[in-house]
Amino acid sequence: YGAMGDSPRDAVERAATAAHALDFIRALPQGFD
């Protein structure tokens, strides 16, 4: 978000993994989108 809006997708996925959110996000029909 905000100043980190240009972060690459792999950085977003690493943040989701650290928050234990990656599995449920990937299970959604549109994933991170």
Full PDB file with SEQRES, HELIX, SHEET, SSBOND, CRYST1, ORIGX, SCALE, CONECT and MASTER records, all heavy atoms in Angstrom:
SEQRES   1 A   33  TYR GLY ALA MET GLY ASP SER PRO ARG ASP ALA VAL GLU          
SEQRES   2 A   33  ARG ALA ALA THR ALA ALA HIS ALA LEU ASP PHE ILE ARG          
SEQRES   3 A   33  ALA LEU PRO GLN GLY PHE ASP                                  
HELIX    1 AA1 GLY A    2  MET A    4  5                                   3    
HELIX    2 AA2 ARG A    9  ALA A   18  1                                  10    
HELIX    3 AA3 LEU A   22  ALA A   27  1                                   6    
CRYST1    1.000    1.000    1.000  90.00  90.00  90.00 P 1           1          
ORIGX1      1.000000  0.000000  0.000000        0.00000                         
ORIGX2      0.000000  1.000000  0.000000        0.00000                         
ORIGX3      0.000000  0.000000  1.000000        0.00000                         
SCALE1      1.000000  0.000000  0.000000        0.00000                         
SCALE2      0.000000  1.000000  0.000000        0.00000                         
SCALE3      0.000000  0.000000  1.000000        0.00000                         
ATOM      1  N   TYR A   1       0.818  -1.200   0.000  1.00  0.00           N  
ATOM      2  CA  TYR A   1       0.000   0.000   0.000  1.00  0.00           C  
ATOM      3  C   TYR A   1       0.859   1.261   0.000  1.00  0.00           C  
ATOM      4  O   TYR A   1       1.939   1.300   0.580  1.00  0.00           O  
ATOM      5  CB  TYR A   1      -0.904  -0.004   1.236  1.00  0.00           C  
ATOM      6  CG  TYR A   1      -1.761   1.229   1.349  1.00  0.00           C  
ATOM      7  CD1 TYR A   1      -2.858   1.394   0.521  1.00  0.00           C  
ATOM      8  CD2 TYR A   1      -1.440   2.252   2.240  1.00  0.00           C  
ATOM      9  CE1 TYR A   1      -3.638   2.534   0.589  1.00  0.00           C  
ATOM     10  CE2 TYR A   1      -2.207   3.403   2.309  1.00  0.00           C  
ATOM     11  CZ  TYR A   1      -3.307   3.539   1.491  1.00  0.00           C  
ATOM     12  OH  TYR A   1      -4.073   4.668   1.540  1.00  0.00           O  
ATOM     13  N   GLY A   2       0.326   2.318  -0.642  1.00  0.00           N  
ATOM     14  CA  GLY A   2       0.952   3.634  -0.561  1.00  0.00           C  
ATOM     15  C   GLY A   2       2.335   3.662  -1.188  1.00  0.00           C  
ATOM     16  O   GLY A   2       2.524   3.353  -2.367  1.00  0.00           O  
ATOM     17  N   ALA A   3       3.333   4.014  -0.359  1.00  0.00           N  
ATOM     18  CA  ALA A   3       4.712   4.147  -0.848  1.00  0.00           C  
ATOM     19  C   ALA A   3       5.265   2.824  -1.344  1.00  0.00           C  
ATOM     20  O   ALA A   3       6.233   2.790  -2.103  1.00  0.00           O  
ATOM     21  CB  ALA A   3       5.607   4.707   0.257  1.00  0.00           C  
ATOM     22  N   MET A   4       4.661   1.701  -0.906  1.00  0.00           N  
ATOM     23  CA  MET A   4       5.133   0.366  -1.336  1.00  0.00           C  
ATOM     24  C   MET A   4       4.301  -0.165  -2.498  1.00  0.00           C  
ATOM     25  O   MET A   4       4.341  -1.352  -2.811  1.00  0.00           O  
ATOM     26  CB  MET A   4       5.062  -0.605  -0.161  1.00  0.00           C  
ATOM     27  CG  MET A   4       5.990  -0.219   0.988  1.00  0.00           C  
ATOM     28  SD  MET A   4       5.765  -1.259   2.445  1.00  0.00           S  
ATOM     29  CE  MET A   4       4.185  -0.698   3.049  1.00  0.00           C  
ATOM     30  N   GLY A   5       3.526   0.723  -3.139  1.00  0.00           N  
ATOM     31  CA  GLY A   5       2.624   0.284  -4.199  1.00  0.00           C  
ATOM     32  C   GLY A   5       3.319  -0.308  -5.406  1.00  0.00           C  
ATOM     33  O   GLY A   5       2.722  -1.084  -6.145  1.00  0.00           O  
ATOM     34  N   ASP A   6       4.592   0.031  -5.616  1.00  0.00           N  
ATOM     35  CA  ASP A   6       5.333  -0.504  -6.769  1.00  0.00           C  
ATOM     36  C   ASP A   6       6.103  -1.772  -6.438  1.00  0.00           C  
ATOM     37  O   ASP A   6       6.923  -2.233  -7.233  1.00  0.00           O  
ATOM     38  CB  ASP A   6       6.305   0.558  -7.292  1.00  0.00           C  
ATOM     39  CG  ASP A   6       5.578   1.766  -7.856  1.00  0.00           C  
ATOM     40  OD1 ASP A   6       4.481   1.586  -8.419  1.00  0.00           O  
ATOM     41  OD2 ASP A   6       6.110   2.897  -7.719  1.00  0.00           O  
ATOM     42  N   SER A   7       5.864  -2.343  -5.262  1.00  0.00           N  
ATOM     43  CA  SER A   7       6.589  -3.562  -4.869  1.00  0.00           C  
ATOM     44  C   SER A   7       6.269  -4.706  -5.823  1.00  0.00           C  
ATOM     45  O   SER A   7       5.126  -4.857  -6.260  1.00  0.00           O  
ATOM     46  CB  SER A   7       6.207  -3.981  -3.447  1.00  0.00           C  
ATOM     47  OG  SER A   7       6.503  -2.944  -2.532  1.00  0.00           O  
ATOM     48  N   PRO A   8       7.271  -5.530  -6.156  1.00  0.00           N  
ATOM     49  CA  PRO A   8       7.026  -6.665  -7.052  1.00  0.00           C  
ATOM     50  C   PRO A   8       6.120  -7.707  -6.383  1.00  0.00           C  
ATOM     51  O   PRO A   8       6.014  -7.753  -5.163  1.00  0.00           O  
ATOM     52  CB  PRO A   8       8.430  -7.222  -7.314  1.00  0.00           C  
ATOM     53  CG  PRO A   8       9.249  -6.760  -6.160  1.00  0.00           C  
ATOM     54  CD  PRO A   8       8.689  -5.453  -5.747  1.00  0.00           C  
ATOM     55  N   ARG A   9       5.502  -8.567  -7.194  1.00  0.00           N  
ATOM     56  CA  ARG A   9       4.553  -9.548  -6.681  1.00  0.00           C  
ATOM     57  C   ARG A   9       5.216 -10.538  -5.723  1.00  0.00           C  
ATOM     58  O   ARG A   9       4.593 -10.948  -4.734  1.00  0.00           O  
ATOM     59  CB  ARG A   9       3.891 -10.297  -7.846  1.00  0.00           C  
ATOM     60  CG  ARG A   9       2.872 -11.364  -7.450  1.00  0.00           C  
ATOM     61  CD  ARG A   9       1.776 -10.845  -6.518  1.00  0.00           C  
ATOM     62  NE  ARG A   9       0.968  -9.835  -7.113  1.00  0.00           N  
ATOM     63  CZ  ARG A   9      -0.160 -10.071  -7.801  1.00  0.00           C  
ATOM     64  NH1 ARG A   9      -0.596 -11.301  -7.953  1.00  0.00           N  
ATOM     65  NH2 ARG A   9      -0.857  -9.065  -8.304  1.00  0.00           N  
ATOM     66  N   ASP A  10       6.493 -10.900  -5.967  1.00  0.00           N  
ATOM     67  CA  ASP A  10       7.133 -11.867  -5.058  1.00  0.00           C  
ATOM     68  C   ASP A  10       7.311 -11.266  -3.665  1.00  0.00           C  
ATOM     69  O   ASP A  10       7.228 -11.978  -2.652  1.00  0.00           O  
ATOM     70  CB  ASP A  10       8.476 -12.353  -5.628  1.00  0.00           C  
ATOM     71  CG  ASP A  10       9.469 -11.207  -5.828  1.00  0.00           C  
ATOM     72  OD1 ASP A  10       9.022 -10.042  -5.906  1.00  0.00           O  
ATOM     73  OD2 ASP A  10      10.678 -11.483  -5.896  1.00  0.00           O  
ATOM     74  N   ALA A  11       7.516  -9.939  -3.564  1.00  0.00           N  
ATOM     75  CA  ALA A  11       7.615  -9.291  -2.258  1.00  0.00           C  
ATOM     76  C   ALA A  11       6.258  -9.313  -1.554  1.00  0.00           C  
ATOM     77  O   ALA A  11       6.178  -9.512  -0.331  1.00  0.00           O  
ATOM     78  CB  ALA A  11       8.105  -7.854  -2.411  1.00  0.00           C  
ATOM     79  N   VAL A  12       5.189  -9.135  -2.328  1.00  0.00           N  
ATOM     80  CA  VAL A  12       3.836  -9.198  -1.767  1.00  0.00           C  
ATOM     81  C   VAL A  12       3.565 -10.611  -1.231  1.00  0.00           C  
ATOM     82  O   VAL A  12       3.007 -10.786  -0.141  1.00  0.00           O  
ATOM     83  CB  VAL A  12       2.792  -8.815  -2.833  1.00  0.00           C  
ATOM     84  CG1 VAL A  12       1.374  -9.035  -2.321  1.00  0.00           C  
ATOM     85  CG2 VAL A  12       2.976  -7.365  -3.264  1.00  0.00           C  
ATOM     86  N   GLU A  13       3.971 -11.612  -1.995  1.00  0.00           N  
ATOM     87  CA  GLU A  13       3.742 -12.999  -1.572  1.00  0.00           C  
ATOM     88  C   GLU A  13       4.563 -13.343  -0.331  1.00  0.00           C  
ATOM     89  O   GLU A  13       4.097 -14.088   0.533  1.00  0.00           O  
ATOM     90  CB  GLU A  13       4.083 -13.950  -2.727  1.00  0.00           C  
ATOM     91  CG  GLU A  13       3.100 -13.855  -3.886  1.00  0.00           C  
ATOM     92  CD  GLU A  13       3.401 -14.863  -4.989  1.00  0.00           C  
ATOM     93  OE1 GLU A  13       4.345 -15.672  -4.806  1.00  0.00           O  
ATOM     94  OE2 GLU A  13       2.701 -14.833  -6.020  1.00  0.00           O  
ATOM     95  N   ARG A  14       5.796 -12.797  -0.226  1.00  0.00           N  
ATOM     96  CA  ARG A  14       6.609 -13.054   0.979  1.00  0.00           C  
ATOM     97  C   ARG A  14       5.938 -12.448   2.213  1.00  0.00           C  
ATOM     98  O   ARG A  14       5.925 -13.052   3.292  1.00  0.00           O  
ATOM     99  CB  ARG A  14       8.007 -12.461   0.796  1.00  0.00           C  
ATOM    100  CG  ARG A  14       8.930 -13.269  -0.108  1.00  0.00           C  
ATOM    101  CD  ARG A  14      10.405 -12.915   0.098  1.00  0.00           C  
ATOM    102  NE  ARG A  14      10.666 -11.499  -0.131  1.00  0.00           N  
ATOM    103  CZ  ARG A  14      10.937 -10.971  -1.334  1.00  0.00           C  
ATOM    104  NH1 ARG A  14      10.964 -11.759  -2.408  1.00  0.00           N  
ATOM    105  NH2 ARG A  14      11.174  -9.678  -1.473  1.00  0.00           N  
ATOM    106  N   ALA A  15       5.345 -11.245   2.046  1.00  0.00           N  
ATOM    107  CA  ALA A  15       4.638 -10.611   3.165  1.00  0.00           C  
ATOM    108  C   ALA A  15       3.425 -11.443   3.572  1.00  0.00           C  
ATOM    109  O   ALA A  15       3.146 -11.626   4.770  1.00  0.00           O  
ATOM    110  CB  ALA A  15       4.208  -9.204   2.781  1.00  0.00           C  
ATOM    111  N   ALA A  16       2.705 -11.980   2.580  1.00  0.00           N  
ATOM    112  CA  ALA A  16       1.534 -12.813   2.870  1.00  0.00           C  
ATOM    113  C   ALA A  16       1.935 -14.103   3.572  1.00  0.00           C  
ATOM    114  O   ALA A  16       1.244 -14.576   4.481  1.00  0.00           O  
ATOM    115  CB  ALA A  16       0.792 -13.126   1.568  1.00  0.00           C  
ATOM    116  N   THR A  17       3.088 -14.663   3.172  1.00  0.00           N  
ATOM    117  CA  THR A  17       3.586 -15.877   3.825  1.00  0.00           C  
ATOM    118  C   THR A  17       3.925 -15.604   5.286  1.00  0.00           C  
ATOM    119  O   THR A  17       3.586 -16.399   6.179  1.00  0.00           O  
ATOM    120  CB  THR A  17       4.829 -16.404   3.083  1.00  0.00           C  
ATOM    121  OG1 THR A  17       4.498 -16.640   1.704  1.00  0.00           O  
ATOM    122  CG2 THR A  17       5.327 -17.696   3.709  1.00  0.00           C  
ATOM    123  N   ALA A  18       4.564 -14.471   5.550  1.00  0.00           N  
ATOM    124  CA  ALA A  18       4.934 -14.118   6.924  1.00  0.00           C  
ATOM    125  C   ALA A  18       3.709 -13.892   7.798  1.00  0.00           C  
ATOM    126  O   ALA A  18       3.749 -14.119   9.016  1.00  0.00           O  
ATOM    127  CB  ALA A  18       5.806 -12.862   6.915  1.00  0.00           C  
ATOM    128  N   ALA A  19       2.603 -13.469   7.170  1.00  0.00           N  
ATOM    129  CA  ALA A  19       1.357 -13.231   7.923  1.00  0.00           C  
ATOM    130  C   ALA A  19       0.471 -14.467   7.958  1.00  0.00           C  
ATOM    131  O   ALA A  19      -0.660 -14.398   8.439  1.00  0.00           O  
ATOM    132  CB  ALA A  19       0.595 -12.072   7.292  1.00  0.00           C  
ATOM    133  N   HIS A  20       0.990 -15.615   7.457  1.00  0.00           N  
ATOM    134  CA  HIS A  20       0.226 -16.874   7.402  1.00  0.00           C  
ATOM    135  C   HIS A  20      -1.073 -16.709   6.601  1.00  0.00           C  
ATOM    136  O   HIS A  20      -2.109 -17.264   6.963  1.00  0.00           O  
ATOM    137  CB  HIS A  20      -0.089 -17.376   8.813  1.00  0.00           C  
ATOM    138  CG  HIS A  20       1.142 -17.580   9.657  1.00  0.00           C  
ATOM    139  ND1 HIS A  20       2.018 -18.642   9.463  1.00  0.00           N  
ATOM    140  CD2 HIS A  20       1.648 -16.838  10.680  1.00  0.00           C  
ATOM    141  CE1 HIS A  20       3.024 -18.543  10.332  1.00  0.00           C  
ATOM    142  NE2 HIS A  20       2.817 -17.456  11.089  1.00  0.00           N  
ATOM    143  N   ALA A  21      -1.023 -15.898   5.563  1.00  0.00           N  
ATOM    144  CA  ALA A  21      -2.219 -15.626   4.759  1.00  0.00           C  
ATOM    145  C   ALA A  21      -2.118 -16.173   3.340  1.00  0.00           C  
ATOM    146  O   ALA A  21      -3.085 -16.103   2.583  1.00  0.00           O  
ATOM    147  CB  ALA A  21      -2.469 -14.119   4.701  1.00  0.00           C  
ATOM    148  N   LEU A  22      -0.950 -16.708   2.978  1.00  0.00           N  
ATOM    149  CA  LEU A  22      -0.714 -17.090   1.585  1.00  0.00           C  
ATOM    150  C   LEU A  22      -1.663 -18.193   1.116  1.00  0.00           C  
ATOM    151  O   LEU A  22      -2.195 -18.137   0.009  1.00  0.00           O  
ATOM    152  CB  LEU A  22       0.738 -17.538   1.401  1.00  0.00           C  
ATOM    153  CG  LEU A  22       1.163 -17.835  -0.046  1.00  0.00           C  
ATOM    154  CD1 LEU A  22       1.066 -16.575  -0.906  1.00  0.00           C  
ATOM    155  CD2 LEU A  22       2.584 -18.385  -0.089  1.00  0.00           C  
ATOM    156  N   ASP A  23      -1.901 -19.192   1.977  1.00  0.00           N  
ATOM    157  CA  ASP A  23      -2.718 -20.336   1.559  1.00  0.00           C  
ATOM    158  C   ASP A  23      -4.149 -19.926   1.235  1.00  0.00           C  
ATOM    159  O   ASP A  23      -4.695 -20.312   0.191  1.00  0.00           O  
ATOM    160  CB  ASP A  23      -2.718 -21.414   2.653  1.00  0.00           C  
ATOM    161  CG  ASP A  23      -1.345 -22.081   2.788  1.00  0.00           C  
ATOM    162  OD1 ASP A  23      -0.569 -22.032   1.803  1.00  0.00           O  
ATOM    163  OD2 ASP A  23      -1.065 -22.642   3.858  1.00  0.00           O  
ATOM    164  N   PHE A  24      -4.766 -19.142   2.119  1.00  0.00           N  
ATOM    165  CA  PHE A  24      -6.163 -18.789   1.852  1.00  0.00           C  
ATOM    166  C   PHE A  24      -6.281 -17.809   0.688  1.00  0.00           C  
ATOM    167  O   PHE A  24      -7.278 -17.812  -0.041  1.00  0.00           O  
ATOM    168  CB  PHE A  24      -6.855 -18.267   3.120  1.00  0.00           C  
ATOM    169  CG  PHE A  24      -6.884 -16.770   3.280  1.00  0.00           C  
ATOM    170  CD1 PHE A  24      -7.839 -15.991   2.638  1.00  0.00           C  
ATOM    171  CD2 PHE A  24      -5.945 -16.131   4.084  1.00  0.00           C  
ATOM    172  CE1 PHE A  24      -7.869 -14.623   2.797  1.00  0.00           C  
ATOM    173  CE2 PHE A  24      -5.972 -14.757   4.240  1.00  0.00           C  
ATOM    174  CZ  PHE A  24      -6.939 -13.997   3.584  1.00  0.00           C  
ATOM    175  N   ILE A  25      -5.245 -16.969   0.489  1.00  0.00           N  
ATOM    176  CA  ILE A  25      -5.282 -16.030  -0.641  1.00  0.00           C  
ATOM    177  C   ILE A  25      -5.213 -16.793  -1.955  1.00  0.00           C  
ATOM    178  O   ILE A  25      -5.963 -16.513  -2.897  1.00  0.00           O  
ATOM    179  CB  ILE A  25      -4.129 -15.012  -0.544  1.00  0.00           C  
ATOM    180  CG1 ILE A  25      -4.331 -14.075   0.650  1.00  0.00           C  
ATOM    181  CG2 ILE A  25      -4.022 -14.182  -1.824  1.00  0.00           C  
ATOM    182  CD1 ILE A  25      -3.152 -13.174   0.961  1.00  0.00           C  
ATOM    183  N   ARG A  26      -4.315 -17.783  -2.019  1.00  0.00           N  
ATOM    184  CA  ARG A  26      -4.174 -18.571  -3.255  1.00  0.00           C  
ATOM    185  C   ARG A  26      -5.421 -19.406  -3.534  1.00  0.00           C  
ATOM    186  O   ARG A  26      -5.704 -19.742  -4.695  1.00  0.00           O  
ATOM    187  CB  ARG A  26      -2.951 -19.481  -3.145  1.00  0.00           C  
ATOM    188  CG  ARG A  26      -1.643 -18.719  -3.395  1.00  0.00           C  
ATOM    189  CD  ARG A  26      -0.447 -19.641  -3.315  1.00  0.00           C  
ATOM    190  NE  ARG A  26       0.776 -18.974  -3.761  1.00  0.00           N  
ATOM    191  CZ  ARG A  26       1.988 -19.468  -3.583  1.00  0.00           C  
ATOM    192  NH1 ARG A  26       2.162 -20.637  -2.958  1.00  0.00           N  
ATOM    193  NH2 ARG A  26       3.052 -18.811  -4.021  1.00  0.00           N  
ATOM    194  N   ALA A  27      -6.186 -19.718  -2.486  1.00  0.00           N  
ATOM    195  CA  ALA A  27      -7.394 -20.527  -2.669  1.00  0.00           C  
ATOM    196  C   ALA A  27      -8.558 -19.716  -3.245  1.00  0.00           C  
ATOM    197  O   ALA A  27      -9.531 -20.286  -3.732  1.00  0.00           O  
ATOM    198  CB  ALA A  27      -7.818 -21.147  -1.330  1.00  0.00           C  
ATOM    199  N   LEU A  28      -8.453 -18.397  -3.193  1.00  0.00           N  
ATOM    200  CA  LEU A  28      -9.515 -17.538  -3.736  1.00  0.00           C  
ATOM    201  C   LEU A  28      -9.500 -17.577  -5.267  1.00  0.00           C  
ATOM    202  O   LEU A  28      -8.437 -17.769  -5.863  1.00  0.00           O  
ATOM    203  CB  LEU A  28      -9.326 -16.092  -3.253  1.00  0.00           C  
ATOM    204  CG  LEU A  28      -9.506 -15.868  -1.746  1.00  0.00           C  
ATOM    205  CD1 LEU A  28      -9.063 -14.457  -1.359  1.00  0.00           C  
ATOM    206  CD2 LEU A  28     -10.958 -16.080  -1.340  1.00  0.00           C  
ATOM    207  N   PRO A  29     -10.644 -17.415  -5.899  1.00  0.00           N  
ATOM    208  CA  PRO A  29     -10.724 -17.521  -7.370  1.00  0.00           C  
ATOM    209  C   PRO A  29      -9.767 -16.583  -8.107  1.00  0.00           C  
ATOM    210  O   PRO A  29      -9.169 -16.966  -9.111  1.00  0.00           O  
ATOM    211  CB  PRO A  29     -12.186 -17.157  -7.673  1.00  0.00           C  
ATOM    212  CG  PRO A  29     -12.918 -17.453  -6.404  1.00  0.00           C  
ATOM    213  CD  PRO A  29     -11.960 -17.187  -5.292  1.00  0.00           C  
ATOM    214  N   GLN A  30      -9.570 -15.371  -7.610  1.00  0.00           N  
ATOM    215  CA  GLN A  30      -8.693 -14.406  -8.274  1.00  0.00           C  
ATOM    216  C   GLN A  30      -7.393 -14.165  -7.507  1.00  0.00           C  
ATOM    217  O   GLN A  30      -6.634 -13.253  -7.853  1.00  0.00           O  
ATOM    218  CB  GLN A  30      -9.440 -13.079  -8.456  1.00  0.00           C  
ATOM    219  CG  GLN A  30     -10.609 -13.187  -9.436  1.00  0.00           C  
ATOM    220  CD  GLN A  30     -11.429 -11.920  -9.461  1.00  0.00           C  
ATOM    221  OE1 GLN A  30     -12.129 -11.609  -8.507  1.00  0.00           O  
ATOM    222  NE2 GLN A  30     -11.342 -11.181 -10.559  1.00  0.00           N  
ATOM    223  N   GLY A  31      -7.162 -14.957  -6.476  1.00  0.00           N  
ATOM    224  CA  GLY A  31      -5.912 -14.859  -5.733  1.00  0.00           C  
ATOM    225  C   GLY A  31      -5.665 -13.471  -5.176  1.00  0.00           C  
ATOM    226  O   GLY A  31      -6.547 -12.858  -4.576  1.00  0.00           O  
ATOM    227  N   PHE A  32      -4.441 -12.956  -5.416  1.00  0.00           N  
ATOM    228  CA  PHE A  32      -4.065 -11.640  -4.904  1.00  0.00           C  
ATOM    229  C   PHE A  32      -4.847 -10.508  -5.568  1.00  0.00           C  
ATOM    230  O   PHE A  32      -4.863  -9.377  -5.069  1.00  0.00           O  
ATOM    231  CB  PHE A  32      -2.556 -11.408  -5.096  1.00  0.00           C  
ATOM    232  CG  PHE A  32      -1.705 -12.099  -4.070  1.00  0.00           C  
ATOM    233  CD1 PHE A  32      -1.258 -13.393  -4.278  1.00  0.00           C  
ATOM    234  CD2 PHE A  32      -1.369 -11.451  -2.892  1.00  0.00           C  
ATOM    235  CE1 PHE A  32      -0.483 -14.038  -3.327  1.00  0.00           C  
ATOM    236  CE2 PHE A  32      -0.591 -12.083  -1.945  1.00  0.00           C  
ATOM    237  CZ  PHE A  32      -0.145 -13.392  -2.155  1.00  0.00           C  
ATOM    238  N   ASP A  33      -5.502 -10.780  -6.700  1.00  0.00           N  
ATOM    239  CA  ASP A  33      -6.289  -9.762  -7.390  1.00  0.00           C  
ATOM    240  C   ASP A  33      -7.747  -9.736  -6.949  1.00  0.00           C  
ATOM    241  O   ASP A  33      -8.575  -9.039  -7.540  1.00  0.00           O  
ATOM    242  CB  ASP A  33      -6.221  -9.983  -8.901  1.00  0.00           C  
ATOM    243  CG  ASP A  33      -4.809  -9.807  -9.431  1.00  0.00           C  
ATOM    244  OD1 ASP A  33      -4.116  -8.869  -8.976  1.00  0.00           O  
ATOM    245  OD2 ASP A  33      -4.391 -10.608 -10.283  1.00  0.00           O  
TER     246      ASP A  33                                                      
MASTER        0    0    0    3    0    0    0    6  245    1    0    3          
END                                                                             
